[in-house]
Amino acid sequence: MAAPKNSVLFSLFSFLRPESGRVDGRQEQQLELIRSTMLSCLTPEASEPSYLERKIRNAKDVQVLWYLRADLMATLASQSGEIDARAKMEHVTRLFQGSLPRSLKARPSSLGT
């Protein structure tokens, strides 16, 4: 059975990324803080972890968690409404300060205000 196209591309990009696999102590602490905060935002499921929970738990670096914010926002909005979801996401997004390359930082937008 062939692997889905997205997972093959994701694996290729993570392999080619030069900083992949090199994480210092501060980065590891930041990664775990962001991961635990993202997981605490989710409403616990009755039986087993959701797909998003598994992706957050298995994220190998802060950049992967950065890209999971959209999925987290969508899940939170469906669980508790968009206003509450936005408030939680503002807190989560602040945790990324100083942990991302400049190219991944959020840009100011007239839509959010």
PDB file of N, CA and C in Angstrom:
ATOM      1  N   MET A   1       0.847  -1.179   0.000  1.00  0.00           N
ATOM      2  CA  MET A   1       0.000   0.000   0.000  1.00  0.00           C
ATOM      3  C   MET A   1       0.890   1.239   0.000  1.00  0.00           C
ATOM      4  N   ALA A   2       0.612   2.171  -0.847  1.00  0.00           N
ATOM      5  CA  ALA A   2       1.426   3.378  -0.983  1.00  0.00           C
ATOM      6  C   ALA A   2       1.132   4.358   0.150  1.00  0.00           C
ATOM      7  N   ALA A   3       2.166   5.086   0.578  1.00  0.00           N
ATOM      8  CA  ALA A   3       2.008   6.100   1.620  1.00  0.00           C
ATOM      9  C   ALA A   3       1.297   7.314   1.029  1.00  0.00           C
ATOM     10  N   PRO A   4       0.472   7.993   1.828  1.00  0.00           N
ATOM     11  CA  PRO A   4      -0.188   9.195   1.331  1.00  0.00           C
ATOM     12  C   PRO A   4       0.842  10.233   0.885  1.00  0.00           C
ATOM     13  N   LYS A   5       0.482  10.998  -0.120  1.00  0.00           N
ATOM     14  CA  LYS A   5       1.389  11.985  -0.703  1.00  0.00           C
ATOM     15  C   LYS A   5       1.886  12.989   0.341  1.00  0.00           C
ATOM     16  N   ASN A   6       0.994  13.465   1.208  1.00  0.00           N
ATOM     17  CA  ASN A   6       1.386  14.456   2.210  1.00  0.00           C
ATOM     18  C   ASN A   6       2.430  13.916   3.174  1.00  0.00           C
ATOM     19  N   SER A   7       2.290  12.677   3.625  1.00  0.00           N
ATOM     20  CA  SER A   7       3.250  12.142   4.580  1.00  0.00           C
ATOM     21  C   SER A   7       4.616  11.944   3.928  1.00  0.00           C
ATOM     22  N   VAL A   8       4.635  11.606   2.644  1.00  0.00           N
ATOM     23  CA  VAL A   8       5.910  11.457   1.940  1.00  0.00           C
ATOM     24  C   VAL A   8       6.592  12.813   1.821  1.00  0.00           C
ATOM     25  N   LEU A   9       5.844  13.854   1.452  1.00  0.00           N
ATOM     26  CA  LEU A   9       6.417  15.196   1.350  1.00  0.00           C
ATOM     27  C   LEU A   9       6.884  15.700   2.707  1.00  0.00           C
ATOM     28  N   PHE A  10       6.087  15.471   3.745  1.00  0.00           N
ATOM     29  CA  PHE A  10       6.450  15.902   5.089  1.00  0.00           C
ATOM     30  C   PHE A  10       7.753  15.235   5.519  1.00  0.00           C
ATOM     31  N   SER A  11       7.892  13.934   5.258  1.00  0.00           N
ATOM     32  CA  SER A  11       9.108  13.213   5.616  1.00  0.00           C
ATOM     33  C   SER A  11      10.311  13.749   4.855  1.00  0.00           C
ATOM     34  N   LEU A  12      10.117  14.034   3.582  1.00  0.00           N
ATOM     35  CA  LEU A  12      11.201  14.560   2.764  1.00  0.00           C
ATOM     36  C   LEU A  12      11.646  15.927   3.265  1.00  0.00           C
ATOM     37  N   PHE A  13      10.698  16.820   3.546  1.00  0.00           N
ATOM     38  CA  PHE A  13      11.049  18.155   4.032  1.00  0.00           C
ATOM     39  C   PHE A  13      11.734  18.089   5.392  1.00  0.00           C
ATOM     40  N   SER A  14      11.262  17.236   6.284  1.00  0.00           N
ATOM     41  CA  SER A  14      11.888  17.155   7.600  1.00  0.00           C
ATOM     42  C   SER A  14      13.290  16.561   7.507  1.00  0.00           C
ATOM     43  N   PHE A  15      13.523  15.684   6.534  1.00  0.00           N
ATOM     44  CA  PHE A  15      14.853  15.121   6.338  1.00  0.00           C
ATOM     45  C   PHE A  15      15.814  16.167   5.790  1.00  0.00           C
ATOM     46  N   LEU A  16      15.328  17.004   4.881  1.00  0.00           N
ATOM     47  CA  LEU A  16      16.183  17.995   4.233  1.00  0.00           C
ATOM     48  C   LEU A  16      16.426  19.232   5.092  1.00  0.00           C
ATOM     49  N   ARG A  17      15.606  19.462   6.083  1.00  0.00           N
ATOM     50  CA  ARG A  17      15.761  20.638   6.929  1.00  0.00           C
ATOM     51  C   ARG A  17      17.063  20.516   7.715  1.00  0.00           C
ATOM     52  N   PRO A  18      17.979  21.493   7.625  1.00  0.00           N
ATOM     53  CA  PRO A  18      19.291  21.372   8.234  1.00  0.00           C
ATOM     54  C   PRO A  18      19.288  21.263   9.745  1.00  0.00           C
ATOM     55  N   GLU A  19      18.370  21.927  10.437  1.00  0.00           N
ATOM     56  CA  GLU A  19      18.404  21.875  11.894  1.00  0.00           C
ATOM     57  C   GLU A  19      17.671  20.674  12.462  1.00  0.00           C
ATOM     58  N   SER A  20      17.172  19.808  11.606  1.00  0.00           N
ATOM     59  CA  SER A  20      16.402  18.667  12.068  1.00  0.00           C
ATOM     60  C   SER A  20      17.242  17.764  12.964  1.00  0.00           C
ATOM     61  N   GLY A  21      16.660  17.393  14.101  1.00  0.00           N
ATOM     62  CA  GLY A  21      17.324  16.476  15.006  1.00  0.00           C
ATOM     63  C   GLY A  21      18.223  17.151  16.031  1.00  0.00           C
ATOM     64  N   ARG A  22      18.541  18.435  15.875  1.00  0.00           N
ATOM     65  CA  ARG A  22      19.416  19.120  16.826  1.00  0.00           C
ATOM     66  C   ARG A  22      18.583  20.032  17.706  1.00  0.00           C
ATOM     67  N   VAL A  23      18.398  19.636  18.951  1.00  0.00           N
ATOM     68  CA  VAL A  23      17.595  20.413  19.877  1.00  0.00           C
ATOM     69  C   VAL A  23      18.383  20.560  21.168  1.00  0.00           C
ATOM     70  N   ASP A  24      18.590  21.815  21.642  1.00  0.00           N
ATOM     71  CA  ASP A  24      19.293  21.998  22.906  1.00  0.00           C
ATOM     72  C   ASP A  24      18.292  21.964  24.065  1.00  0.00           C
ATOM     73  N   GLY A  25      18.800  22.104  25.283  1.00  0.00           N
ATOM     74  CA  GLY A  25      17.947  22.003  26.465  1.00  0.00           C
ATOM     75  C   GLY A  25      16.845  23.048  26.519  1.00  0.00           C
ATOM     76  N   ARG A  26      17.177  24.307  26.173  1.00  0.00           N
ATOM     77  CA  ARG A  26      16.185  25.376  26.191  1.00  0.00           C
ATOM     78  C   ARG A  26      15.098  25.116  25.157  1.00  0.00           C
ATOM     79  N   GLN A  27      15.506  24.674  23.969  1.00  0.00           N
ATOM     80  CA  GLN A  27      14.535  24.379  22.922  1.00  0.00           C
ATOM     81  C   GLN A  27      13.630  23.226  23.341  1.00  0.00           C
ATOM     82  N   GLU A  28      14.201  22.239  23.998  1.00  0.00           N
ATOM     83  CA  GLU A  28      13.411  21.090  24.459  1.00  0.00           C
ATOM     84  C   GLU A  28      12.382  21.530  25.497  1.00  0.00           C
ATOM     85  N   GLN A  29      12.778  22.422  26.409  1.00  0.00           N
ATOM     86  CA  GLN A  29      11.837  22.936  27.408  1.00  0.00           C
ATOM     87  C   GLN A  29      10.721  23.724  26.743  1.00  0.00           C
ATOM     88  N   GLN A  30      11.084  24.555  25.775  1.00  0.00           N
ATOM     89  CA  GLN A  30      10.088  25.352  25.057  1.00  0.00           C
ATOM     90  C   GLN A  30       9.128  24.439  24.291  1.00  0.00           C
ATOM     91  N   LEU A  31       9.676  23.420  23.644  1.00  0.00           N
ATOM     92  CA  LEU A  31       8.861  22.448  22.910  1.00  0.00           C
ATOM     93  C   LEU A  31       7.843  21.799  23.845  1.00  0.00           C
ATOM     94  N   GLU A  32       8.295  21.351  25.004  1.00  0.00           N
ATOM     95  CA  GLU A  32       7.396  20.668  25.940  1.00  0.00           C
ATOM     96  C   GLU A  32       6.362  21.620  26.534  1.00  0.00           C
ATOM     97  N   LEU A  33       6.744  22.880  26.779  1.00  0.00           N
ATOM     98  CA  LEU A  33       5.788  23.862  27.287  1.00  0.00           C
ATOM     99  C   LEU A  33       4.685  24.112  26.267  1.00  0.00           C
ATOM    100  N   ILE A  34       5.072  24.309  25.021  1.00  0.00           N
ATOM    101  CA  ILE A  34       4.080  24.553  23.969  1.00  0.00           C
ATOM    102  C   ILE A  34       3.201  23.326  23.776  1.00  0.00           C
ATOM    103  N   ARG A  35       3.820  22.151  23.730  1.00  0.00           N
ATOM    104  CA  ARG A  35       3.063  20.905  23.546  1.00  0.00           C
ATOM    105  C   ARG A  35       2.025  20.728  24.657  1.00  0.00           C
ATOM    106  N   SER A  36       2.451  20.892  25.912  1.00  0.00           N
ATOM    107  CA  SER A  36       1.523  20.675  27.030  1.00  0.00           C
ATOM    108  C   SER A  36       0.408  21.725  27.039  1.00  0.00           C
ATOM    109  N   THR A  37       0.737  22.963  26.647  1.00  0.00           N
ATOM    110  CA  THR A  37      -0.288  24.007  26.583  1.00  0.00           C
ATOM    111  C   THR A  37      -1.310  23.697  25.495  1.00  0.00           C
ATOM    112  N   MET A  38      -0.838  23.273  24.340  1.00  0.00           N
ATOM    113  CA  MET A  38      -1.756  22.918  23.252  1.00  0.00           C
ATOM    114  C   MET A  38      -2.655  21.761  23.663  1.00  0.00           C
ATOM    115  N   LEU A  39      -2.080  20.762  24.301  1.00  0.00           N
ATOM    116  CA  LEU A  39      -2.878  19.601  24.731  1.00  0.00           C
ATOM    117  C   LEU A  39      -3.885  19.986  25.812  1.00  0.00           C
ATOM    118  N   SER A  40      -3.498  20.910  26.697  1.00  0.00           N
ATOM    119  CA  SER A  40      -4.421  21.304  27.769  1.00  0.00           C
ATOM    120  C   SER A  40      -5.619  22.092  27.239  1.00  0.00           C
ATOM    121  N   CYS A  41      -5.482  22.686  26.060  1.00  0.00           N
ATOM    122  CA  CYS A  41      -6.605  23.418  25.450  1.00  0.00           C
ATOM    123  C   CYS A  41      -7.700  22.480  24.959  1.00  0.00           C
ATOM    124  N   LEU A  42      -7.325  21.261  24.620  1.00  0.00           N
ATOM    125  CA  LEU A  42      -8.278  20.314  24.043  1.00  0.00           C
ATOM    126  C   LEU A  42      -9.153  19.687  25.116  1.00  0.00           C
ATOM    127  N   THR A  43     -10.408  19.461  24.785  1.00  0.00           N
ATOM    128  CA  THR A  43     -11.318  18.736  25.660  1.00  0.00           C
ATOM    129  C   THR A  43     -10.966  17.258  25.564  1.00  0.00           C
ATOM    130  N   PRO A  44     -10.731  16.600  26.703  1.00  0.00           N
ATOM    131  CA  PRO A  44     -10.357  15.181  26.636  1.00  0.00           C
ATOM    132  C   PRO A  44     -11.464  14.319  26.023  1.00  0.00           C
ATOM    133  N   GLU A  45     -11.055  13.425  25.160  1.00  0.00           N
ATOM    134  CA  GLU A  45     -11.992  12.492  24.533  1.00  0.00           C
ATOM    135  C   GLU A  45     -12.225  11.310  25.475  1.00  0.00           C
ATOM    136  N   ALA A  46     -13.347  10.661  25.345  1.00  0.00           N
ATOM    137  CA  ALA A  46     -13.729   9.575  26.251  1.00  0.00           C
ATOM    138  C   ALA A  46     -12.824   8.358  26.126  1.00  0.00           C
ATOM    139  N   SER A  47     -12.579   7.891  24.912  1.00  0.00           N
ATOM    140  CA  SER A  47     -11.882   6.619  24.779  1.00  0.00           C
ATOM    141  C   SER A  47     -10.394   6.770  24.472  1.00  0.00           C
ATOM    142  N   GLU A  48     -10.063   7.193  23.290  1.00  0.00           N
ATOM    143  CA  GLU A  48      -8.655   7.283  22.917  1.00  0.00           C
ATOM    144  C   GLU A  48      -8.329   8.669  22.365  1.00  0.00           C
ATOM    145  N   PRO A  49      -7.043   9.010  22.327  1.00  0.00           N
ATOM    146  CA  PRO A  49      -6.657  10.347  21.853  1.00  0.00           C
ATOM    147  C   PRO A  49      -7.093  10.595  20.413  1.00  0.00           C
ATOM    148  N   SER A  50      -7.444  11.836  20.128  1.00  0.00           N
ATOM    149  CA  SER A  50      -7.832  12.205  18.774  1.00  0.00           C
ATOM    150  C   SER A  50      -6.604  12.252  17.875  1.00  0.00           C
ATOM    151  N   TYR A  51      -6.873  12.363  16.597  1.00  0.00           N
ATOM    152  CA  TYR A  51      -5.807  12.474  15.603  1.00  0.00           C
ATOM    153  C   TYR A  51      -4.918  13.681  15.905  1.00  0.00           C
ATOM    154  N   LEU A  52      -5.534  14.811  16.256  1.00  0.00           N
ATOM    155  CA  LEU A  52      -4.773  16.019  16.560  1.00  0.00           C
ATOM    156  C   LEU A  52      -3.916  15.834  17.810  1.00  0.00           C
ATOM    157  N   GLU A  53      -4.462  15.219  18.839  1.00  0.00           N
ATOM    158  CA  GLU A  53      -3.677  14.956  20.052  1.00  0.00           C
ATOM    159  C   GLU A  53      -2.440  14.124  19.733  1.00  0.00           C
ATOM    160  N   ARG A  54      -2.613  13.107  18.920  1.00  0.00           N
ATOM    161  CA  ARG A  54      -1.468  12.263  18.546  1.00  0.00           C
ATOM    162  C   ARG A  54      -0.431  13.057  17.770  1.00  0.00           C
ATOM    163  N   LYS A  55      -0.883  13.920  16.865  1.00  0.00           N
ATOM    164  CA  LYS A  55       0.060  14.745  16.085  1.00  0.00           C
ATOM    165  C   LYS A  55       0.821  15.706  17.002  1.00  0.00           C
ATOM    166  N   ILE A  56       0.134  16.293  17.971  1.00  0.00           N
ATOM    167  CA  ILE A  56       0.792  17.211  18.904  1.00  0.00           C
ATOM    168  C   ILE A  56       1.803  16.447  19.758  1.00  0.00           C
ATOM    169  N   ARG A  57       1.400  15.307  20.279  1.00  0.00           N
ATOM    170  CA  ARG A  57       2.310  14.511  21.125  1.00  0.00           C
ATOM    171  C   ARG A  57       3.548  14.037  20.361  1.00  0.00           C
ATOM    172  N   ASN A  58       3.396  13.755  19.085  1.00  0.00           N
ATOM    173  CA  ASN A  58       4.503  13.215  18.294  1.00  0.00           C
ATOM    174  C   ASN A  58       5.299  14.279  17.540  1.00  0.00           C
ATOM    175  N   ALA A  59       4.939  15.542  17.690  1.00  0.00           N
ATOM    176  CA  ALA A  59       5.669  16.617  17.002  1.00  0.00           C
ATOM    177  C   ALA A  59       7.112  16.631  17.493  1.00  0.00           C
ATOM    178  N   LYS A  60       8.041  16.627  16.531  1.00  0.00           N
ATOM    179  CA  LYS A  60       9.451  16.529  16.920  1.00  0.00           C
ATOM    180  C   LYS A  60      10.113  17.875  17.157  1.00  0.00           C
ATOM    181  N   ASP A  61       9.470  18.963  16.724  1.00  0.00           N
ATOM    182  CA  ASP A  61      10.054  20.279  16.974  1.00  0.00           C
ATOM    183  C   ASP A  61       8.975  21.353  17.002  1.00  0.00           C
ATOM    184  N   VAL A  62       9.394  22.569  17.363  1.00  0.00           N
ATOM    185  CA  VAL A  62       8.472  23.690  17.516  1.00  0.00           C
ATOM    186  C   VAL A  62       7.828  24.058  16.185  1.00  0.00           C
ATOM    187  N   GLN A  63       8.547  23.899  15.099  1.00  0.00           N
ATOM    188  CA  GLN A  63       7.987  24.244  13.795  1.00  0.00           C
ATOM    189  C   GLN A  63       6.791  23.367  13.448  1.00  0.00           C
ATOM    190  N   VAL A  64       6.852  22.101  13.787  1.00  0.00           N
ATOM    191  CA  VAL A  64       5.708  21.210  13.531  1.00  0.00           C
ATOM    192  C   VAL A  64       4.510  21.679  14.357  1.00  0.00           C
ATOM    193  N   LEU A  65       4.750  22.031  15.612  1.00  0.00           N
ATOM    194  CA  LEU A  65       3.656  22.534  16.444  1.00  0.00           C
ATOM    195  C   LEU A  65       3.102  23.842  15.890  1.00  0.00           C
ATOM    196  N   TRP A  66       3.948  24.689  15.333  1.00  0.00           N
ATOM    197  CA  TRP A  66       3.497  25.946  14.725  1.00  0.00           C
ATOM    198  C   TRP A  66       2.481  25.671  13.618  1.00  0.00           C
ATOM    199  N   TYR A  67       2.775  24.694  12.791  1.00  0.00           N
ATOM    200  CA  TYR A  67       1.867  24.366  11.696  1.00  0.00           C
ATOM    201  C   TYR A  67       0.591  23.680  12.170  1.00  0.00           C
ATOM    202  N   LEU A  68       0.592  23.107  13.363  1.00  0.00           N
ATOM    203  CA  LEU A  68      -0.609  22.460  13.899  1.00  0.00           C
ATOM    204  C   LEU A  68      -1.583  23.453  14.533  1.00  0.00           C
ATOM    205  N   ARG A  69      -1.196  24.726  14.619  1.00  0.00           N
ATOM    206  CA  ARG A  69      -2.080  25.728  15.217  1.00  0.00           C
ATOM    207  C   ARG A  69      -3.410  25.859  14.476  1.00  0.00           C
ATOM    208  N   ALA A  70      -3.382  25.769  13.168  1.00  0.00           N
ATOM    209  CA  ALA A  70      -4.637  25.896  12.401  1.00  0.00           C
ATOM    210  C   ALA A  70      -5.596  24.763  12.750  1.00  0.00           C
ATOM    211  N   ASP A  71      -5.070  23.551  12.850  1.00  0.00           N
ATOM    212  CA  ASP A  71      -5.911  22.408  13.226  1.00  0.00           C
ATOM    213  C   ASP A  71      -6.442  22.573  14.652  1.00  0.00           C
ATOM    214  N   LEU A  72      -5.579  23.076  15.531  1.00  0.00           N
ATOM    215  CA  LEU A  72      -6.000  23.294  16.916  1.00  0.00           C
ATOM    216  C   LEU A  72      -7.105  24.350  16.974  1.00  0.00           C
ATOM    217  N   MET A  73      -6.942  25.426  16.235  1.00  0.00           N
ATOM    218  CA  MET A  73      -7.971  26.487  16.210  1.00  0.00           C
ATOM    219  C   MET A  73      -9.308  25.938  15.721  1.00  0.00           C
ATOM    220  N   ALA A  74      -9.271  25.149  14.658  1.00  0.00           N
ATOM    221  CA  ALA A  74     -10.508  24.577  14.120  1.00  0.00           C
ATOM    222  C   ALA A  74     -11.178  23.662  15.149  1.00  0.00           C
ATOM    223  N   THR A  75     -10.392  22.860  15.823  1.00  0.00           N
ATOM    224  CA  THR A  75     -10.938  21.946  16.830  1.00  0.00           C
ATOM    225  C   THR A  75     -11.520  22.717  18.007  1.00  0.00           C
ATOM    226  N   LEU A  76     -10.769  23.721  18.488  1.00  0.00           N
ATOM    227  CA  LEU A  76     -11.251  24.511  19.613  1.00  0.00           C
ATOM    228  C   LEU A  76     -12.522  25.272  19.266  1.00  0.00           C
ATOM    229  N   ALA A  77     -12.586  25.814  18.065  1.00  0.00           N
ATOM    230  CA  ALA A  77     -13.776  26.548  17.639  1.00  0.00           C
ATOM    231  C   ALA A  77     -14.996  25.637  17.602  1.00  0.00           C
ATOM    232  N   SER A  78     -14.804  24.399  17.177  1.00  0.00           N
ATOM    233  CA  SER A  78     -15.944  23.468  17.138  1.00  0.00           C
ATOM    234  C   SER A  78     -16.331  23.003  18.538  1.00  0.00           C
ATOM    235  N   GLN A  79     -15.373  22.981  19.466  1.00  0.00           N
ATOM    236  CA  GLN A  79     -15.664  22.541  20.829  1.00  0.00           C
ATOM    237  C   GLN A  79     -16.314  23.625  21.684  1.00  0.00           C
ATOM    238  N   SER A  80     -15.787  24.865  21.569  1.00  0.00           N
ATOM    239  CA  SER A  80     -16.246  25.886  22.519  1.00  0.00           C
ATOM    240  C   SER A  80     -16.559  27.239  21.892  1.00  0.00           C
ATOM    241  N   GLY A  81     -16.570  27.315  20.591  1.00  0.00           N
ATOM    242  CA  GLY A  81     -16.884  28.574  19.928  1.00  0.00           C
ATOM    243  C   GLY A  81     -15.633  29.348  19.550  1.00  0.00           C
ATOM    244  N   GLU A  82     -15.800  30.223  18.565  1.00  0.00           N
ATOM    245  CA  GLU A  82     -14.645  30.923  18.006  1.00  0.00           C
ATOM    246  C   GLU A  82     -14.028  31.934  18.968  1.00  0.00           C
ATOM    247  N   ILE A  83     -14.829  32.617  19.760  1.00  0.00           N
ATOM    248  CA  ILE A  83     -14.289  33.631  20.673  1.00  0.00           C
ATOM    249  C   ILE A  83     -13.371  32.989  21.707  1.00  0.00           C
ATOM    250  N   ASP A  84     -13.830  31.917  22.324  1.00  0.00           N
ATOM    251  CA  ASP A  84     -13.014  31.201  23.300  1.00  0.00           C
ATOM    252  C   ASP A  84     -11.775  30.598  22.631  1.00  0.00           C
ATOM    253  N   ALA A  85     -11.951  30.071  21.432  1.00  0.00           N
ATOM    254  CA  ALA A  85     -10.827  29.482  20.700  1.00  0.00           C
ATOM    255  C   ALA A  85      -9.762  30.529  20.397  1.00  0.00           C
ATOM    256  N   ARG A  86     -10.173  31.708  19.980  1.00  0.00           N
ATOM    257  CA  ARG A  86      -9.208  32.783  19.678  1.00  0.00           C
ATOM    258  C   ARG A  86      -8.418  33.180  20.921  1.00  0.00           C
ATOM    259  N   ALA A  87      -9.083  33.259  22.055  1.00  0.00           N
ATOM    260  CA  ALA A  87      -8.396  33.618  23.304  1.00  0.00           C
ATOM    261  C   ALA A  87      -7.343  32.576  23.660  1.00  0.00           C
ATOM    262  N   LYS A  88      -7.695  31.317  23.535  1.00  0.00           N
ATOM    263  CA  LYS A  88      -6.733  30.249  23.825  1.00  0.00           C
ATOM    264  C   LYS A  88      -5.578  30.273  22.830  1.00  0.00           C
ATOM    265  N   MET A  89      -5.884  30.527  21.570  1.00  0.00           N
ATOM    266  CA  MET A  89      -4.849  30.532  20.540  1.00  0.00           C
ATOM    267  C   MET A  89      -3.893  31.708  20.701  1.00  0.00           C
ATOM    268  N   GLU A  90      -4.380  32.843  21.194  1.00  0.00           N
ATOM    269  CA  GLU A  90      -3.485  33.972  21.452  1.00  0.00           C
ATOM    270  C   GLU A  90      -2.439  33.584  22.485  1.00  0.00           C
ATOM    271  N   HIS A  91      -2.871  32.889  23.520  1.00  0.00           N
ATOM    272  CA  HIS A  91      -1.938  32.421  24.558  1.00  0.00           C
ATOM    273  C   HIS A  91      -0.937  31.432  23.965  1.00  0.00           C
ATOM    274  N   VAL A  92      -1.422  30.482  23.201  1.00  0.00           N
ATOM    275  CA  VAL A  92      -0.541  29.472  22.584  1.00  0.00           C
ATOM    276  C   VAL A  92       0.463  30.151  21.652  1.00  0.00           C
ATOM    277  N   THR A  93       0.006  31.078  20.835  1.00  0.00           N
ATOM    278  CA  THR A  93       0.872  31.735  19.858  1.00  0.00           C
ATOM    279  C   THR A  93       1.982  32.528  20.548  1.00  0.00           C
ATOM    280  N   ARG A  94       1.692  33.159  21.678  1.00  0.00           N
ATOM    281  CA  ARG A  94       2.715  33.904  22.419  1.00  0.00           C
ATOM    282  C   ARG A  94       3.858  33.000  22.871  1.00  0.00           C
ATOM    283  N   LEU A  95       3.577  31.750  23.128  1.00  0.00           N
ATOM    284  CA  LEU A  95       4.608  30.818  23.588  1.00  0.00           C
ATOM    285  C   LEU A  95       5.681  30.548  22.531  1.00  0.00           C
ATOM    286  N   PHE A  96       5.374  30.822  21.278  1.00  0.00           N
ATOM    287  CA  PHE A  96       6.319  30.568  20.194  1.00  0.00           C
ATOM    288  C   PHE A  96       7.371  31.669  20.047  1.00  0.00           C
ATOM    289  N   GLN A  97       7.196  32.799  20.751  1.00  0.00           N
ATOM    290  CA  GLN A  97       8.131  33.915  20.607  1.00  0.00           C
ATOM    291  C   GLN A  97       9.551  33.470  20.936  1.00  0.00           C
ATOM    292  N   GLY A  98      10.464  33.790  20.028  1.00  0.00           N
ATOM    293  CA  GLY A  98      11.870  33.447  20.213  1.00  0.00           C
ATOM    294  C   GLY A  98      12.231  32.029  19.822  1.00  0.00           C
ATOM    295  N   SER A  99      11.265  31.247  19.370  1.00  0.00           N
ATOM    296  CA  SER A  99      11.520  29.843  19.042  1.00  0.00           C
ATOM    297  C   SER A  99      11.449  29.537  17.551  1.00  0.00           C
ATOM    298  N   LEU A 100      11.046  30.518  16.756  1.00  0.00           N
ATOM    299  CA  LEU A 100      10.833  30.269  15.329  1.00  0.00           C
ATOM    300  C   LEU A 100      11.764  31.115  14.474  1.00  0.00           C
ATOM    301  N   PRO A 101      12.085  30.611  13.283  1.00  0.00           N
ATOM    302  CA  PRO A 101      12.815  31.444  12.329  1.00  0.00           C
ATOM    303  C   PRO A 101      11.950  32.638  11.932  1.00  0.00           C
ATOM    304  N   ARG A 102      12.569  33.723  11.520  1.00  0.00           N
ATOM    305  CA  ARG A 102      11.821  34.929  11.139  1.00  0.00           C
ATOM    306  C   ARG A 102      10.771  34.651  10.077  1.00  0.00           C
ATOM    307  N   SER A 103      11.054  33.728   9.180  1.00  0.00           N
ATOM    308  CA  SER A 103      10.126  33.455   8.081  1.00  0.00           C
ATOM    309  C   SER A 103       8.808  32.840   8.556  1.00  0.00           C
ATOM    310  N   LEU A 104       8.770  32.304   9.767  1.00  0.00           N
ATOM    311  CA  LEU A 104       7.548  31.672  10.263  1.00  0.00           C
ATOM    312  C   LEU A 104       6.775  32.527  11.256  1.00  0.00           C
ATOM    313  N   LYS A 105       7.266  33.694  11.571  1.00  0.00           N
ATOM    314  CA  LYS A 105       6.576  34.533  12.546  1.00  0.00           C
ATOM    315  C   LYS A 105       5.277  35.065  11.970  1.00  0.00           C
ATOM    316  N   ALA A 106       4.295  35.227  12.840  1.00  0.00           N
ATOM    317  CA  ALA A 106       3.002  35.768  12.427  1.00  0.00           C
ATOM    318  C   ALA A 106       3.186  37.198  11.964  1.00  0.00           C
ATOM    319  N   ARG A 107       2.524  37.545  10.894  1.00  0.00           N
ATOM    320  CA  ARG A 107       2.596  38.898  10.366  1.00  0.00           C
ATOM    321  C   ARG A 107       1.369  39.683  10.796  1.00  0.00           C
ATOM    322  N   PRO A 108       1.530  40.984  11.024  1.00  0.00           N
ATOM    323  CA  PRO A 108       0.368  41.795  11.405  1.00  0.00           C
ATOM    324  C   PRO A 108      -0.698  41.764  10.303  1.00  0.00           C
ATOM    325  N   SER A 109      -1.934  41.777  10.733  1.00  0.00           N
ATOM    326  CA  SER A 109      -3.034  41.732   9.785  1.00  0.00           C
ATOM    327  C   SER A 109      -4.145  42.655  10.262  1.00  0.00           C
ATOM    328  N   SER A 110      -4.779  43.314   9.325  1.00  0.00           N
ATOM    329  CA  SER A 110      -5.919  44.171   9.681  1.00  0.00           C
ATOM    330  C   SER A 110      -7.165  43.341   9.959  1.00  0.00           C
ATOM    331  N   LEU A 111      -7.133  42.041   9.652  1.00  0.00           N
ATOM    332  CA  LEU A 111      -8.303  41.177   9.837  1.00  0.00           C
ATOM    333  C   LEU A 111      -8.504  40.777  11.284  1.00  0.00           C
ATOM    334  N   GLY A 112      -7.422  40.696  12.057  1.00  0.00           N
ATOM    335  CA  GLY A 112      -7.527  40.192  13.421  1.00  0.00           C
ATOM    336  C   GLY A 112      -7.967  41.222  14.441  1.00  0.00           C
ATOM    337  N   THR A 113      -8.038  42.468  14.098  1.00  0.00           N
ATOM    338  CA  THR A 113      -8.334  43.488  15.096  1.00  0.00           C
ATOM    339  C   THR A 113      -9.727  43.959  15.054  1.00  0.00           C
TER     340      THR A 113
END
